[in-house]
């Protein structure tokens, strides 16, 4: 069995200033730009945890609470919430900072699933996580509920594809 790894060992904080190319004509940053930054941060977390090539399997949830603007510092904090056999749920908290005032705003939260790949580009086992803090335990418990919901939704989609009367 692989050695458990602490979530803190793979956690990432990435920041980037939002520029005019990142925004629309009103100066509001495009959601897709923010999504790319989230995917990048979560991908680094996944690779740090596994030391393998990792790919995004899904973005389970992405909720925007506030807009980001040109000149804001966008910061993504990501860490592992749960590990399965070959996949991991990674949570991301996205904040903006108005550099002139210092005001920080919780912009969005997201949950992504990544899969680790071997040299043959096939899924490989990932190390389990070692839950150290109460925050680790809370986030892991919440991830289990999301996992059950994801699996339920996948089953329903499969049934619907086989028999549209079950949709």
Protein backbone atom coordinates (compact mmCIF):
# COMPACT_ATOMS: atom_id res chain seq x y z
CA UNK A 1 0.00 0.00 0.00
CA UNK A 2 1.22 3.47 -0.81
CA UNK A 3 2.19 5.81 2.01
CA UNK A 4 -0.46 8.33 2.97
CA UNK A 5 0.33 11.93 2.14
CA UNK A 6 -0.78 15.03 4.05
CA UNK A 7 -3.01 17.47 2.20
CA UNK A 8 -0.68 20.32 3.20
CA UNK A 9 2.16 18.72 1.21
CA UNK A 10 0.33 19.22 -2.09
CA UNK A 11 -1.67 22.38 -1.39
CA UNK A 12 -1.05 25.28 -3.77
CA UNK A 13 -1.56 29.04 -3.72
CA UNK A 14 -1.26 30.71 -7.13
CA UNK A 15 -1.82 34.41 -7.82
CA UNK A 16 -2.07 36.41 -11.03
CA UNK A 17 -2.98 40.00 -11.79
CA UNK A 18 -6.01 40.39 -14.06
CA UNK A 19 -5.18 42.34 -17.22
CA UNK A 20 -7.28 43.90 -20.02
CA UNK A 21 -6.90 40.77 -22.20
CA UNK A 22 -8.60 38.78 -19.41
CA UNK A 23 -11.76 40.90 -19.41
CA UNK A 24 -14.71 42.09 -21.45
CA UNK A 25 -15.32 45.69 -22.56
CA UNK A 26 -16.78 46.54 -19.13
CA UNK A 27 -13.58 45.47 -17.35
CA UNK A 28 -15.11 42.32 -15.84
CA UNK A 29 -12.87 39.25 -16.03
CA UNK A 30 -14.20 36.41 -18.20
CA UNK A 31 -15.33 33.35 -16.26
CA UNK A 32 -13.32 31.16 -18.65
CA UNK A 33 -10.10 32.95 -17.69
CA UNK A 34 -10.82 32.25 -14.04
CA UNK A 35 -11.73 28.63 -14.86
CA UNK A 36 -8.37 28.14 -16.59
CA UNK A 37 -6.51 29.47 -13.54
CA UNK A 38 -8.54 27.16 -11.27
CA UNK A 39 -7.72 24.17 -13.49
CA UNK A 40 -4.02 25.09 -13.48
CA UNK A 41 -3.84 25.37 -9.68
CA UNK A 42 -5.81 22.17 -9.12
CA UNK A 43 -3.62 20.39 -11.67
CA UNK A 44 -0.47 21.40 -9.78
CA UNK A 45 -2.04 20.10 -6.56
CA UNK A 46 -2.84 16.76 -8.24
CA UNK A 47 0.68 16.37 -9.65
CA UNK A 48 2.27 17.33 -6.33
CA UNK A 49 0.18 14.69 -4.56
CA UNK A 50 0.84 11.88 -7.03
CA UNK A 51 4.07 12.90 -8.77
CA UNK A 52 2.34 11.63 -11.92
CA UNK A 53 0.79 13.22 -14.98
CA UNK A 54 -2.78 14.14 -14.01
CA UNK A 55 -5.73 15.16 -16.14
CA UNK A 56 -8.99 16.90 -15.34
CA UNK A 57 -11.84 14.38 -15.33
CA UNK A 58 -14.56 16.83 -14.34
CA UNK A 59 -15.37 20.12 -12.76
CA UNK A 60 -18.06 19.02 -10.38
CA UNK A 61 -19.01 22.42 -9.17
CA UNK A 62 -18.01 26.01 -9.82
CA UNK A 63 -19.95 28.76 -8.11
CA UNK A 64 -19.16 32.42 -8.72
CA UNK A 65 -20.19 34.77 -5.91
CA UNK A 66 -18.71 38.07 -7.12
CA UNK A 67 -17.06 39.41 -10.28
CA UNK A 68 -13.34 40.05 -10.76
CA UNK A 69 -12.09 43.21 -12.46
CA UNK A 70 -9.06 44.37 -14.40
CA UNK A 71 -6.32 45.18 -11.88
CA UNK A 72 -7.51 42.68 -9.26
CA UNK A 73 -5.07 40.10 -7.96
CA UNK A 74 -6.69 36.70 -8.46
CA UNK A 75 -5.56 34.07 -5.95
CA UNK A 76 -6.46 30.38 -6.12
CA UNK A 77 -5.93 28.15 -3.09
CA UNK A 78 -6.28 24.46 -3.91
CA UNK A 79 -5.88 21.26 -1.95
CA UNK A 80 -6.91 17.61 -1.99
CA UNK A 81 -10.22 16.79 -0.32
CA UNK A 82 -10.50 13.09 -1.17
CA UNK A 83 -8.64 10.31 -2.94
CA UNK A 84 -10.07 7.24 -4.59
CA UNK A 85 -8.26 4.45 -6.41
CA UNK A 86 -7.11 6.54 -9.39
CA UNK A 87 -8.84 9.86 -8.85
CA UNK A 88 -8.79 12.81 -6.47
CA UNK A 89 -11.26 15.54 -5.60
CA UNK A 90 -9.52 18.89 -5.33
CA UNK A 91 -11.17 21.90 -3.79
CA UNK A 92 -10.33 25.44 -4.83
CA UNK A 93 -11.09 28.73 -3.12
CA UNK A 94 -10.77 31.74 -5.38
CA UNK A 95 -10.26 35.24 -4.01
CA UNK A 96 -9.62 38.65 -5.50
CA UNK A 97 -7.74 41.50 -3.93
CA UNK A 98 -8.11 45.13 -4.87
CA UNK A 99 -4.45 46.08 -4.67
CA UNK A 100 -5.21 49.77 -4.11
CA UNK A 101 -7.50 49.24 -1.12
CA UNK A 102 -6.34 45.84 0.13
CA UNK A 103 -9.92 44.56 0.16
CA UNK A 104 -10.09 40.79 -0.39
CA UNK A 105 -13.24 39.13 -1.71
CA UNK A 106 -14.24 35.46 -1.88
CA UNK A 107 -14.92 35.27 -5.62
CA UNK A 108 -15.72 31.59 -6.21
CA UNK A 109 -15.36 28.00 -5.03
CA UNK A 110 -14.85 24.93 -7.18
CA UNK A 111 -14.50 21.16 -6.92
CA UNK A 112 -12.55 19.29 -9.57
CA UNK A 113 -11.81 15.61 -10.12
CA UNK A 114 -8.39 14.65 -11.48
CA UNK A 115 -7.12 11.25 -12.59
CA UNK A 116 -3.46 10.21 -12.35
CA UNK A 117 -1.94 8.55 -15.42
CA UNK A 118 0.96 6.15 -15.78
CA UNK A 119 3.56 6.14 -18.54
CA UNK A 120 1.09 4.22 -20.74
CA UNK A 121 -1.45 7.07 -20.26
CA UNK A 122 -3.77 4.71 -18.35
CA UNK A 123 -5.13 5.51 -14.87
CA UNK A 124 -2.88 4.50 -11.95
CA UNK A 125 -3.44 4.33 -8.20
CA UNK A 126 -3.02 7.52 -6.20
CA UNK A 127 -1.64 7.78 -2.67
CA UNK A 128 -4.33 8.08 0.01
CA UNK A 129 -4.49 11.27 2.04
CA UNK A 130 -3.60 11.57 5.71
CA UNK A 131 -6.14 13.78 7.45
CA UNK A 132 -4.32 15.90 10.03
CA UNK A 133 -6.44 18.93 10.89
CA UNK A 134 -10.11 19.35 11.75
CA UNK A 135 -10.40 21.30 8.48
CA UNK A 136 -8.99 18.28 6.56
CA UNK A 137 -11.57 16.03 8.24
CA UNK A 138 -14.46 18.41 7.51
CA UNK A 139 -13.48 18.84 3.86
CA UNK A 140 -13.02 15.08 3.42
CA UNK A 141 -16.43 14.34 4.95
CA UNK A 142 -18.11 16.87 2.64
CA UNK A 143 -16.27 15.38 -0.35
CA UNK A 144 -17.73 11.95 0.40
CA UNK A 145 -21.26 13.39 0.14
CA UNK A 146 -20.36 15.04 -3.21
CA UNK A 147 -18.90 11.75 -4.45
CA UNK A 148 -22.13 9.89 -3.65
CA UNK A 149 -24.11 12.57 -5.49
CA UNK A 150 -21.78 12.37 -8.53
CA UNK A 151 -22.12 8.59 -8.68
CA UNK A 152 -25.90 8.83 -8.37
CA UNK A 153 -26.07 11.37 -11.19
CA UNK A 154 -23.86 9.18 -13.42
CA UNK A 155 -26.10 6.17 -12.80
CA UNK A 156 -29.17 8.22 -13.67
CA UNK A 157 -27.54 9.49 -16.88
CA UNK A 158 -26.60 5.94 -17.90
CA UNK A 159 -30.12 4.68 -17.24
CA UNK A 160 -31.56 7.59 -19.20
CA UNK A 161 -29.32 6.82 -22.19
CA UNK A 162 -30.45 3.19 -22.19
CA UNK A 163 -34.14 3.97 -21.69
CA UNK A 164 -35.39 7.54 -22.22
CA UNK A 165 -38.61 6.76 -20.36
CA UNK A 166 -36.53 6.64 -17.15
CA UNK A 167 -35.42 10.25 -17.53
